[in-house]
Amino acid sequence: MTNTVGILGFQGCIEPHQRMLSAIGAESCLVKSPEDLSRISRLIIPGGESTTMLRFIKRYEMLEPLRRFARTSPVWGICAGAILSAREVHNPEQDSLGIMDIAAHRNFYGSQLDSFTTQLTINGLTQPMESQFIRAPLLSPLAATAGRPEPTVESSLPGQPVFISQGNLWASSFHVELGSSSALHERFLAL
């Protein structure tokens, strides 16, 4: 196993993660097949269109390999990636990887026209972080499935969780790779 960060490479906000990881000296590669998972130590499922990504995941027989990978390796689902990570998906319902005990409510913060940027306080970081919400989901912790730790809310807008961790797994409603701070990527590398 290498220390390479995989980025699910079917669709979405891929290049900003590659640039951010490169800037902090981390190797990255695109993941598009089950075999690619053997070349990485952790995985980012980027923002994009969750239904499109799910079609590719199914077409390339990645559902079970991704679920197995997530049992032992760090995975960070961002926006659409958080939706794909969730055990429950609403508005509308759809299949998912179901690797985290969270519910994702799609487009909770509105359409593309309702996108906004805010400074978020995130557990474990000393400075607020510029975070962009683009057709972002609301995330809600659920009771943990047997054998999993309880989900932990790491950041929220007033009364609305937007970043949840569960052991080696992260889900964030927002994008940070579009900003200038690499603090959250650096924390992910330390998982």
N, C-alpha and C. Protein backbone atom coordinates (compact mmCIF):
# COMPACT_ATOMS: atom_id res chain seq x y z
N MET A 1 0.85 -1.19 0.00
CA MET A 1 0.00 0.00 0.00
C MET A 1 0.89 1.24 0.00
N THR A 2 0.59 2.17 -0.87
CA THR A 2 1.35 3.42 -0.94
C THR A 2 0.65 4.47 -0.08
N ASN A 3 1.21 5.66 -0.04
CA ASN A 3 0.58 6.76 0.67
C ASN A 3 -0.08 7.72 -0.32
N THR A 4 -0.49 7.20 -1.47
CA THR A 4 -1.11 7.99 -2.52
C THR A 4 -2.58 8.22 -2.20
N VAL A 5 -3.04 9.45 -2.45
CA VAL A 5 -4.45 9.79 -2.28
C VAL A 5 -5.16 9.54 -3.59
N GLY A 6 -6.20 8.71 -3.56
CA GLY A 6 -7.01 8.50 -4.74
C GLY A 6 -8.13 9.52 -4.79
N ILE A 7 -8.50 9.91 -6.00
CA ILE A 7 -9.66 10.78 -6.22
C ILE A 7 -10.57 10.03 -7.18
N LEU A 8 -11.79 9.75 -6.77
CA LEU A 8 -12.71 9.07 -7.67
C LEU A 8 -12.83 9.91 -8.94
N GLY A 9 -12.48 9.32 -10.07
CA GLY A 9 -12.22 10.12 -11.27
C GLY A 9 -13.26 10.07 -12.36
N PHE A 10 -14.50 9.73 -12.05
CA PHE A 10 -15.50 9.62 -13.09
C PHE A 10 -16.06 10.97 -13.53
N GLN A 11 -16.23 11.88 -12.57
CA GLN A 11 -16.90 13.15 -12.89
C GLN A 11 -16.75 14.06 -11.67
N GLY A 12 -16.82 15.35 -11.88
CA GLY A 12 -16.88 16.27 -10.75
C GLY A 12 -15.66 17.14 -10.59
N CYS A 13 -15.50 17.65 -9.38
CA CYS A 13 -14.49 18.66 -9.02
C CYS A 13 -13.17 17.97 -8.69
N ILE A 14 -12.50 17.45 -9.71
CA ILE A 14 -11.31 16.61 -9.53
C ILE A 14 -10.03 17.43 -9.51
N GLU A 15 -9.85 18.28 -10.52
CA GLU A 15 -8.58 19.01 -10.67
C GLU A 15 -8.23 19.90 -9.47
N PRO A 16 -9.19 20.58 -8.85
CA PRO A 16 -8.82 21.38 -7.67
C PRO A 16 -8.23 20.54 -6.54
N HIS A 17 -8.70 19.31 -6.36
CA HIS A 17 -8.10 18.43 -5.35
C HIS A 17 -6.68 18.03 -5.75
N GLN A 18 -6.50 17.73 -7.03
CA GLN A 18 -5.16 17.38 -7.50
C GLN A 18 -4.18 18.53 -7.24
N ARG A 19 -4.60 19.75 -7.54
CA ARG A 19 -3.73 20.92 -7.32
C ARG A 19 -3.44 21.12 -5.84
N MET A 20 -4.49 21.00 -5.00
CA MET A 20 -4.32 21.19 -3.56
C MET A 20 -3.37 20.15 -2.99
N LEU A 21 -3.56 18.88 -3.37
CA LEU A 21 -2.70 17.82 -2.87
C LEU A 21 -1.26 18.00 -3.35
N SER A 22 -1.09 18.37 -4.60
CA SER A 22 0.25 18.61 -5.13
C SER A 22 0.94 19.74 -4.38
N ALA A 23 0.20 20.80 -4.06
CA ALA A 23 0.78 21.96 -3.35
C ALA A 23 1.29 21.60 -1.97
N ILE A 24 0.72 20.55 -1.36
CA ILE A 24 1.18 20.16 -0.03
C ILE A 24 2.10 18.92 -0.09
N GLY A 25 2.52 18.58 -1.31
CA GLY A 25 3.50 17.51 -1.49
C GLY A 25 2.94 16.10 -1.45
N ALA A 26 1.63 15.96 -1.65
CA ALA A 26 1.02 14.63 -1.61
C ALA A 26 0.81 14.10 -3.03
N GLU A 27 1.08 12.82 -3.19
CA GLU A 27 0.83 12.14 -4.47
C GLU A 27 -0.67 11.87 -4.59
N SER A 28 -1.19 11.97 -5.80
CA SER A 28 -2.59 11.61 -6.03
C SER A 28 -2.73 10.90 -7.36
N CYS A 29 -3.82 10.15 -7.49
CA CYS A 29 -4.11 9.50 -8.76
C CYS A 29 -5.63 9.36 -8.88
N LEU A 30 -6.10 9.21 -10.11
CA LEU A 30 -7.52 9.01 -10.34
C LEU A 30 -7.86 7.54 -10.10
N VAL A 31 -9.04 7.32 -9.53
CA VAL A 31 -9.53 5.96 -9.28
C VAL A 31 -10.75 5.75 -10.16
N LYS A 32 -10.66 4.76 -11.05
CA LYS A 32 -11.76 4.46 -11.97
C LYS A 32 -12.07 2.97 -12.06
N SER A 33 -11.31 2.15 -11.33
CA SER A 33 -11.52 0.71 -11.38
C SER A 33 -11.22 0.11 -10.01
N PRO A 34 -11.74 -1.09 -9.73
CA PRO A 34 -11.40 -1.74 -8.46
C PRO A 34 -9.89 -1.90 -8.27
N GLU A 35 -9.18 -2.17 -9.36
CA GLU A 35 -7.73 -2.36 -9.26
C GLU A 35 -7.02 -1.10 -8.79
N ASP A 36 -7.55 0.06 -9.15
CA ASP A 36 -6.94 1.33 -8.74
C ASP A 36 -6.92 1.49 -7.22
N LEU A 37 -7.86 0.87 -6.53
CA LEU A 37 -7.92 1.01 -5.06
C LEU A 37 -6.70 0.40 -4.38
N SER A 38 -6.06 -0.56 -5.03
CA SER A 38 -4.87 -1.19 -4.43
C SER A 38 -3.65 -0.27 -4.48
N ARG A 39 -3.73 0.82 -5.25
CA ARG A 39 -2.60 1.75 -5.40
C ARG A 39 -2.67 2.94 -4.46
N ILE A 40 -3.72 3.01 -3.60
CA ILE A 40 -3.92 4.20 -2.78
C ILE A 40 -4.08 3.84 -1.31
N SER A 41 -3.88 4.84 -0.45
CA SER A 41 -4.06 4.63 0.99
C SER A 41 -5.32 5.31 1.51
N ARG A 42 -5.87 6.26 0.74
CA ARG A 42 -7.07 7.00 1.15
C ARG A 42 -7.75 7.52 -0.11
N LEU A 43 -9.03 7.90 0.01
CA LEU A 43 -9.80 8.25 -1.17
C LEU A 43 -10.64 9.49 -0.92
N ILE A 44 -10.67 10.38 -1.90
CA ILE A 44 -11.59 11.51 -1.93
C ILE A 44 -12.66 11.22 -2.98
N ILE A 45 -13.92 11.32 -2.57
CA ILE A 45 -15.04 11.26 -3.52
C ILE A 45 -15.48 12.70 -3.70
N PRO A 46 -15.17 13.31 -4.85
CA PRO A 46 -15.33 14.76 -5.00
C PRO A 46 -16.78 15.19 -5.19
N GLY A 47 -16.97 16.49 -5.13
CA GLY A 47 -18.26 17.06 -5.48
C GLY A 47 -18.50 16.91 -6.97
N GLY A 48 -19.74 16.98 -7.36
CA GLY A 48 -20.12 16.82 -8.76
C GLY A 48 -21.60 16.49 -8.82
N GLU A 49 -21.95 15.52 -9.62
CA GLU A 49 -23.34 15.08 -9.76
C GLU A 49 -23.42 13.63 -9.28
N SER A 50 -24.07 13.44 -8.13
CA SER A 50 -24.06 12.12 -7.48
C SER A 50 -24.71 11.04 -8.34
N THR A 51 -25.78 11.36 -9.06
CA THR A 51 -26.43 10.33 -9.87
C THR A 51 -25.54 9.90 -11.04
N THR A 52 -24.82 10.84 -11.62
CA THR A 52 -23.88 10.51 -12.70
C THR A 52 -22.75 9.65 -12.17
N MET A 53 -22.17 10.04 -11.03
CA MET A 53 -21.09 9.24 -10.45
C MET A 53 -21.56 7.84 -10.11
N LEU A 54 -22.78 7.74 -9.57
CA LEU A 54 -23.33 6.44 -9.19
C LEU A 54 -23.49 5.54 -10.41
N ARG A 55 -23.90 6.10 -11.53
CA ARG A 55 -24.01 5.30 -12.76
C ARG A 55 -22.66 4.71 -13.15
N PHE A 56 -21.60 5.54 -13.08
CA PHE A 56 -20.27 5.03 -13.42
C PHE A 56 -19.79 4.01 -12.39
N ILE A 57 -20.04 4.25 -11.12
CA ILE A 57 -19.65 3.30 -10.07
C ILE A 57 -20.27 1.94 -10.34
N LYS A 58 -21.54 1.93 -10.71
CA LYS A 58 -22.22 0.66 -11.00
C LYS A 58 -21.70 0.05 -12.31
N ARG A 59 -21.54 0.89 -13.34
CA ARG A 59 -21.08 0.38 -14.64
C ARG A 59 -19.72 -0.30 -14.52
N TYR A 60 -18.83 0.27 -13.72
CA TYR A 60 -17.48 -0.28 -13.58
C TYR A 60 -17.33 -1.19 -12.35
N GLU A 61 -18.48 -1.64 -11.82
CA GLU A 61 -18.52 -2.62 -10.73
C GLU A 61 -17.65 -2.18 -9.55
N MET A 62 -17.87 -0.94 -9.13
CA MET A 62 -17.09 -0.35 -8.04
C MET A 62 -17.83 -0.32 -6.70
N LEU A 63 -19.13 -0.63 -6.67
CA LEU A 63 -19.89 -0.50 -5.42
C LEU A 63 -19.25 -1.28 -4.28
N GLU A 64 -19.12 -2.58 -4.43
CA GLU A 64 -18.58 -3.40 -3.35
C GLU A 64 -17.10 -3.12 -3.08
N PRO A 65 -16.26 -2.95 -4.11
CA PRO A 65 -14.86 -2.59 -3.82
C PRO A 65 -14.73 -1.29 -3.02
N LEU A 66 -15.55 -0.28 -3.32
CA LEU A 66 -15.50 0.96 -2.56
C LEU A 66 -15.96 0.74 -1.12
N ARG A 67 -17.01 -0.04 -0.94
CA ARG A 67 -17.48 -0.34 0.41
C ARG A 67 -16.41 -1.07 1.21
N ARG A 68 -15.74 -2.04 0.60
CA ARG A 68 -14.67 -2.77 1.30
C ARG A 68 -13.52 -1.83 1.66
N PHE A 69 -13.13 -0.98 0.71
CA PHE A 69 -12.04 -0.04 0.95
C PHE A 69 -12.35 0.86 2.15
N ALA A 70 -13.59 1.33 2.22
CA ALA A 70 -14.00 2.27 3.27
C ALA A 70 -14.03 1.64 4.66
N ARG A 71 -14.06 0.32 4.75
CA ARG A 71 -14.06 -0.33 6.07
C ARG A 71 -12.76 -0.11 6.82
N THR A 72 -11.66 0.09 6.09
CA THR A 72 -10.35 0.17 6.75
C THR A 72 -9.53 1.41 6.37
N SER A 73 -9.92 2.12 5.33
CA SER A 73 -9.11 3.24 4.83
C SER A 73 -9.89 4.54 4.89
N PRO A 74 -9.18 5.66 5.05
CA PRO A 74 -9.87 6.96 5.09
C PRO A 74 -10.55 7.29 3.76
N VAL A 75 -11.79 7.74 3.86
CA VAL A 75 -12.55 8.19 2.69
C VAL A 75 -13.22 9.50 3.06
N TRP A 76 -13.12 10.49 2.17
CA TRP A 76 -13.72 11.81 2.38
C TRP A 76 -14.68 12.08 1.23
N GLY A 77 -15.97 12.11 1.53
CA GLY A 77 -16.99 12.45 0.55
C GLY A 77 -17.36 13.91 0.66
N ILE A 78 -17.26 14.63 -0.45
CA ILE A 78 -17.49 16.07 -0.46
C ILE A 78 -18.70 16.38 -1.34
N CYS A 79 -19.71 17.01 -0.77
CA CYS A 79 -20.92 17.42 -1.48
C CYS A 79 -21.57 16.20 -2.13
N ALA A 80 -21.44 16.00 -3.44
CA ALA A 80 -22.00 14.79 -4.05
C ALA A 80 -21.36 13.54 -3.47
N GLY A 81 -20.08 13.64 -3.11
CA GLY A 81 -19.40 12.50 -2.48
C GLY A 81 -19.98 12.17 -1.12
N ALA A 82 -20.44 13.21 -0.39
CA ALA A 82 -21.11 12.99 0.89
C ALA A 82 -22.45 12.29 0.67
N ILE A 83 -23.15 12.68 -0.38
CA ILE A 83 -24.42 12.03 -0.72
C ILE A 83 -24.17 10.55 -1.02
N LEU A 84 -23.13 10.27 -1.80
CA LEU A 84 -22.81 8.89 -2.13
C LEU A 84 -22.37 8.09 -0.90
N SER A 85 -21.80 8.75 0.09
CA SER A 85 -21.34 8.06 1.31
C SER A 85 -22.47 7.74 2.27
N ALA A 86 -23.58 8.46 2.17
CA ALA A 86 -24.66 8.40 3.15
C ALA A 86 -25.42 7.07 3.11
N ARG A 87 -25.88 6.66 4.29
CA ARG A 87 -26.74 5.47 4.38
C ARG A 87 -28.14 5.76 3.87
N GLU A 88 -28.60 7.01 4.05
CA GLU A 88 -29.91 7.43 3.56
C GLU A 88 -29.74 8.67 2.70
N VAL A 89 -30.45 8.69 1.57
CA VAL A 89 -30.43 9.86 0.68
C VAL A 89 -31.87 10.27 0.44
N HIS A 90 -32.15 11.57 0.59
CA HIS A 90 -33.49 12.10 0.43
C HIS A 90 -33.49 13.26 -0.57
N ASN A 91 -34.66 13.52 -1.15
CA ASN A 91 -34.93 14.69 -2.00
C ASN A 91 -34.17 14.67 -3.34
N PRO A 92 -34.37 13.69 -4.20
CA PRO A 92 -35.12 12.45 -3.99
C PRO A 92 -34.23 11.36 -3.44
N GLU A 93 -34.86 10.24 -3.08
CA GLU A 93 -34.09 9.08 -2.63
C GLU A 93 -33.30 8.51 -3.81
N GLN A 94 -32.14 7.94 -3.49
CA GLN A 94 -31.33 7.27 -4.51
C GLN A 94 -30.43 6.25 -3.83
N ASP A 95 -29.88 5.34 -4.60
CA ASP A 95 -28.89 4.40 -4.08
C ASP A 95 -27.65 5.18 -3.64
N SER A 96 -26.85 4.53 -2.81
CA SER A 96 -25.60 5.13 -2.37
C SER A 96 -24.65 4.02 -1.95
N LEU A 97 -23.45 4.41 -1.57
CA LEU A 97 -22.49 3.44 -1.03
C LEU A 97 -22.90 3.00 0.38
N GLY A 98 -23.56 3.90 1.12
CA GLY A 98 -24.01 3.58 2.46
C GLY A 98 -22.88 3.31 3.44
N ILE A 99 -21.74 3.97 3.26
CA ILE A 99 -20.57 3.68 4.11
C ILE A 99 -20.57 4.48 5.41
N MET A 100 -21.41 5.52 5.51
CA MET A 100 -21.49 6.32 6.73
C MET A 100 -22.91 6.34 7.26
N ASP A 101 -23.02 6.40 8.57
CA ASP A 101 -24.33 6.45 9.22
C ASP A 101 -24.82 7.89 9.29
N ILE A 102 -25.14 8.40 8.11
CA ILE A 102 -25.67 9.76 7.98
C ILE A 102 -26.81 9.73 6.95
N ALA A 103 -27.65 10.75 7.04
CA ALA A 103 -28.65 11.01 6.01
C ALA A 103 -28.21 12.26 5.27
N ALA A 104 -28.36 12.25 3.95
CA ALA A 104 -28.04 13.41 3.12
C ALA A 104 -29.32 13.88 2.45
N HIS A 105 -29.60 15.16 2.61
CA HIS A 105 -30.78 15.78 1.99
C HIS A 105 -30.26 16.63 0.84
N ARG A 106 -30.43 16.12 -0.38
CA ARG A 106 -29.85 16.75 -1.58
C ARG A 106 -30.38 18.17 -1.79
N ASN A 107 -29.50 19.03 -2.30
CA ASN A 107 -29.84 20.42 -2.68
C ASN A 107 -30.53 21.19 -1.56
N PHE A 108 -30.20 20.87 -0.32
CA PHE A 108 -30.84 21.52 0.82
C PHE A 108 -30.63 23.03 0.80
N TYR A 109 -29.45 23.45 0.35
CA TYR A 109 -29.12 24.88 0.37
C TYR A 109 -29.47 25.58 -0.94
N GLY A 110 -30.26 24.91 -1.78
CA GLY A 110 -30.75 25.56 -2.98
C GLY A 110 -30.03 25.15 -4.25
N SER A 111 -30.36 25.83 -5.32
CA SER A 111 -29.84 25.53 -6.65
C SER A 111 -28.45 26.15 -6.82
N GLN A 112 -27.90 25.97 -8.00
CA GLN A 112 -26.61 26.57 -8.34
C GLN A 112 -26.62 28.08 -8.10
N LEU A 113 -27.74 28.73 -8.39
CA LEU A 113 -27.85 30.18 -8.22
C LEU A 113 -27.80 30.58 -6.74
N ASP A 114 -28.10 29.65 -5.84
CA ASP A 114 -28.09 29.93 -4.41
C ASP A 114 -26.74 29.65 -3.75
N SER A 115 -25.73 29.32 -4.54
CA SER A 115 -24.41 29.01 -4.00
C SER A 115 -23.89 30.17 -3.16
N PHE A 116 -23.11 29.84 -2.13
CA PHE A 116 -22.54 30.88 -1.27
C PHE A 116 -21.24 30.40 -0.66
N THR A 117 -20.46 31.35 -0.19
CA THR A 117 -19.20 31.07 0.48
C THR A 117 -19.29 31.62 1.89
N THR A 118 -18.77 30.86 2.85
CA THR A 118 -18.78 31.30 4.24
C THR A 118 -17.52 30.81 4.94
N GLN A 119 -17.23 31.40 6.08
CA GLN A 119 -16.12 30.96 6.92
C GLN A 119 -16.67 29.99 7.96
N LEU A 120 -16.18 28.76 7.97
CA LEU A 120 -16.66 27.75 8.90
C LEU A 120 -15.63 27.47 9.98
N THR A 121 -16.09 27.31 11.20
CA THR A 121 -15.26 26.81 12.28
C THR A 121 -15.36 25.29 12.23
N ILE A 122 -14.20 24.63 12.17
CA ILE A 122 -14.16 23.17 12.03
C ILE A 122 -13.33 22.61 13.18
N ASN A 123 -13.88 21.61 13.86
CA ASN A 123 -13.14 20.96 14.95
C ASN A 123 -11.75 20.57 14.48
N GLY A 124 -10.75 20.83 15.31
CA GLY A 124 -9.38 20.45 15.00
C GLY A 124 -8.59 21.46 14.20
N LEU A 125 -9.24 22.52 13.70
CA LEU A 125 -8.53 23.55 12.95
C LEU A 125 -8.52 24.84 13.77
N THR A 126 -7.41 25.53 13.75
CA THR A 126 -7.27 26.73 14.58
C THR A 126 -7.91 27.96 13.95
N GLN A 127 -8.03 27.97 12.62
CA GLN A 127 -8.59 29.12 11.92
C GLN A 127 -9.88 28.73 11.21
N PRO A 128 -10.86 29.65 11.14
CA PRO A 128 -12.03 29.38 10.30
C PRO A 128 -11.59 29.14 8.86
N MET A 129 -12.35 28.37 8.14
CA MET A 129 -11.97 27.97 6.79
C MET A 129 -13.00 28.43 5.77
N GLU A 130 -12.52 29.02 4.66
CA GLU A 130 -13.41 29.41 3.58
C GLU A 130 -14.03 28.16 2.98
N SER A 131 -15.36 28.11 2.95
CA SER A 131 -16.08 26.93 2.49
C SER A 131 -17.16 27.35 1.51
N GLN A 132 -17.23 26.65 0.40
CA GLN A 132 -18.19 26.99 -0.64
C GLN A 132 -19.30 25.95 -0.69
N PHE A 133 -20.53 26.44 -0.66
CA PHE A 133 -21.72 25.59 -0.71
C PHE A 133 -22.34 25.73 -2.10
N ILE A 134 -22.30 24.64 -2.87
CA ILE A 134 -22.78 24.63 -4.26
C ILE A 134 -23.77 23.48 -4.39
N ARG A 135 -25.06 23.79 -4.45
CA ARG A 135 -26.10 22.75 -4.47
C ARG A 135 -25.84 21.74 -3.35
N ALA A 136 -25.52 22.24 -2.19
CA ALA A 136 -25.01 21.42 -1.11
C ALA A 136 -26.11 20.67 -0.36
N PRO A 137 -25.77 19.46 0.12
CA PRO A 137 -26.72 18.71 0.93
C PRO A 137 -26.63 19.09 2.41
N LEU A 138 -27.73 18.88 3.11
CA LEU A 138 -27.71 18.89 4.57
C LEU A 138 -27.33 17.48 5.00
N LEU A 139 -26.49 17.37 5.99
CA LEU A 139 -26.08 16.07 6.52
C LEU A 139 -26.63 15.91 7.93
N SER A 140 -27.14 14.74 8.25
CA SER A 140 -27.69 14.46 9.58
C SER A 140 -27.13 13.15 10.08
N PRO A 141 -26.57 13.15 11.31
CA PRO A 141 -26.07 11.88 11.86
C PRO A 141 -27.22 10.93 12.17
N LEU A 142 -26.98 9.64 11.96
CA LEU A 142 -27.93 8.59 12.30
C LEU A 142 -27.30 7.71 13.37
N ALA A 143 -28.10 6.87 14.01
CA ALA A 143 -27.55 5.92 14.98
C ALA A 143 -26.57 5.01 14.25
N ALA A 144 -25.45 4.73 14.90
CA ALA A 144 -24.39 3.94 14.27
C ALA A 144 -24.84 2.51 14.02
N THR A 145 -24.45 2.00 12.87
CA THR A 145 -24.64 0.59 12.54
C THR A 145 -23.71 -0.22 13.45
N ALA A 146 -24.11 -1.45 13.78
CA ALA A 146 -23.30 -2.31 14.66
C ALA A 146 -21.85 -2.36 14.19
N GLY A 147 -20.94 -2.16 15.14
CA GLY A 147 -19.51 -2.23 14.85
C GLY A 147 -18.89 -0.93 14.41
N ARG A 148 -19.68 0.09 14.17
CA ARG A 148 -19.14 1.39 13.75
C ARG A 148 -19.18 2.36 14.92
N PRO A 149 -18.24 3.33 14.95
CA PRO A 149 -18.34 4.38 15.97
C PRO A 149 -19.51 5.30 15.66
N GLU A 150 -19.93 6.06 16.65
CA GLU A 150 -21.01 7.04 16.43
C GLU A 150 -20.49 8.17 15.54
N PRO A 151 -21.33 8.69 14.64
CA PRO A 151 -20.94 9.85 13.85
C PRO A 151 -20.75 11.08 14.75
N THR A 152 -19.79 11.92 14.39
CA THR A 152 -19.47 13.13 15.15
C THR A 152 -19.63 14.34 14.25
N VAL A 153 -20.40 15.33 14.69
CA VAL A 153 -20.53 16.58 13.93
C VAL A 153 -19.27 17.41 14.18
N GLU A 154 -18.53 17.69 13.10
CA GLU A 154 -17.27 18.43 13.18
C GLU A 154 -17.46 19.92 12.88
N SER A 155 -18.55 20.25 12.18
CA SER A 155 -18.84 21.65 11.87
C SER A 155 -20.31 21.75 11.49
N SER A 156 -20.88 22.92 11.78
CA SER A 156 -22.28 23.12 11.39
C SER A 156 -22.54 24.60 11.16
N LEU A 157 -23.50 24.85 10.32
CA LEU A 157 -24.12 26.16 10.27
C LEU A 157 -25.15 26.12 11.39
N PRO A 158 -25.75 27.23 11.81
CA PRO A 158 -26.64 27.17 12.98
C PRO A 158 -27.66 26.04 12.88
N GLY A 159 -27.47 25.02 13.73
CA GLY A 159 -28.40 23.91 13.81
C GLY A 159 -28.37 22.95 12.64
N GLN A 160 -27.42 23.11 11.73
CA GLN A 160 -27.38 22.28 10.52
C GLN A 160 -25.99 21.67 10.34
N PRO A 161 -25.82 20.38 10.63
CA PRO A 161 -24.51 19.76 10.44
C PRO A 161 -24.09 19.82 8.97
N VAL A 162 -22.82 20.20 8.75
CA VAL A 162 -22.30 20.26 7.38
C VAL A 162 -20.99 19.50 7.22
N PHE A 163 -20.46 18.98 8.33
CA PHE A 163 -19.24 18.16 8.27
C PHE A 163 -19.34 17.14 9.40
N ILE A 164 -19.35 15.85 9.01
CA ILE A 164 -19.49 14.76 9.97
C ILE A 164 -18.36 13.77 9.75
N SER A 165 -17.78 13.30 10.85
CA SER A 165 -16.79 12.22 10.77
C SER A 165 -17.36 10.98 11.43
N GLN A 166 -16.87 9.84 11.00
CA GLN A 166 -17.24 8.56 11.62
C GLN A 166 -16.04 7.64 11.48
N GLY A 167 -15.20 7.65 12.52
CA GLY A 167 -13.95 6.89 12.44
C GLY A 167 -13.08 7.43 11.32
N ASN A 168 -12.76 6.57 10.35
CA ASN A 168 -11.88 6.93 9.23
C ASN A 168 -12.64 7.58 8.07
N LEU A 169 -13.90 7.90 8.27
CA LEU A 169 -14.73 8.42 7.18
C LEU A 169 -15.17 9.85 7.46
N TRP A 170 -15.16 10.68 6.43
CA TRP A 170 -15.60 12.07 6.51
C TRP A 170 -16.67 12.33 5.45
N ALA A 171 -17.59 13.22 5.78
CA ALA A 171 -18.55 13.73 4.80
C ALA A 171 -18.71 15.22 5.05
N SER A 172 -18.51 16.02 4.01
CA SER A 172 -18.70 17.46 4.12
C SER A 172 -19.64 17.95 3.02
N SER A 173 -20.55 18.85 3.41
CA SER A 173 -21.49 19.44 2.45
C SER A 173 -20.81 20.42 1.52
N PHE A 174 -19.71 20.96 1.98
CA PHE A 174 -19.07 22.10 1.33
C PHE A 174 -17.78 21.70 0.63
N HIS A 175 -17.34 22.59 -0.25
CA HIS A 175 -16.06 22.46 -0.95
C HIS A 175 -15.03 23.36 -0.25
N VAL A 176 -13.84 22.81 0.02
CA VAL A 176 -12.73 23.65 0.48
C VAL A 176 -11.61 23.68 -0.56
N GLU A 177 -11.65 22.75 -1.50
CA GLU A 177 -10.59 22.65 -2.50
C GLU A 177 -10.61 23.83 -3.47
N LEU A 178 -11.71 24.60 -3.46
CA LEU A 178 -11.81 25.76 -4.34
C LEU A 178 -11.23 27.02 -3.70
N GLY A 179 -10.88 26.92 -2.42
CA GLY A 179 -10.29 28.04 -1.70
C GLY A 179 -8.77 27.94 -1.67
N SER A 180 -8.15 28.68 -0.77
CA SER A 180 -6.68 28.72 -0.73
C SER A 180 -6.08 27.93 0.43
N SER A 181 -6.88 27.53 1.41
CA SER A 181 -6.33 26.83 2.57
C SER A 181 -6.30 25.32 2.35
N SER A 182 -5.17 24.72 2.66
CA SER A 182 -5.02 23.27 2.54
C SER A 182 -5.17 22.57 3.89
N ALA A 183 -5.61 23.30 4.92
CA ALA A 183 -5.62 22.74 6.28
C ALA A 183 -6.45 21.47 6.40
N LEU A 184 -7.59 21.41 5.75
CA LEU A 184 -8.43 20.22 5.88
C LEU A 184 -7.83 19.05 5.08
N HIS A 185 -7.23 19.31 3.95
CA HIS A 185 -6.53 18.26 3.21
C HIS A 185 -5.37 17.70 4.04
N GLU A 186 -4.65 18.59 4.70
CA GLU A 186 -3.54 18.14 5.54
C GLU A 186 -4.04 17.27 6.69
N ARG A 187 -5.15 17.65 7.28
CA ARG A 187 -5.75 16.84 8.36
C ARG A 187 -6.20 15.48 7.82
N PHE A 188 -6.75 15.46 6.60
CA PHE A 188 -7.16 14.19 5.99
C PHE A 188 -5.97 13.27 5.78
N LEU A 189 -4.83 13.85 5.37
CA LEU A 189 -3.62 13.05 5.16
C LEU A 189 -3.12 12.44 6.47
N ALA A 190 -3.46 13.05 7.58
CA ALA A 190 -3.00 12.55 8.88
C ALA A 190 -3.92 11.47 9.47
N LEU A 191 -5.06 11.21 8.85
CA LEU A 191 -5.96 10.15 9.34
C LEU A 191 -5.30 8.80 9.28
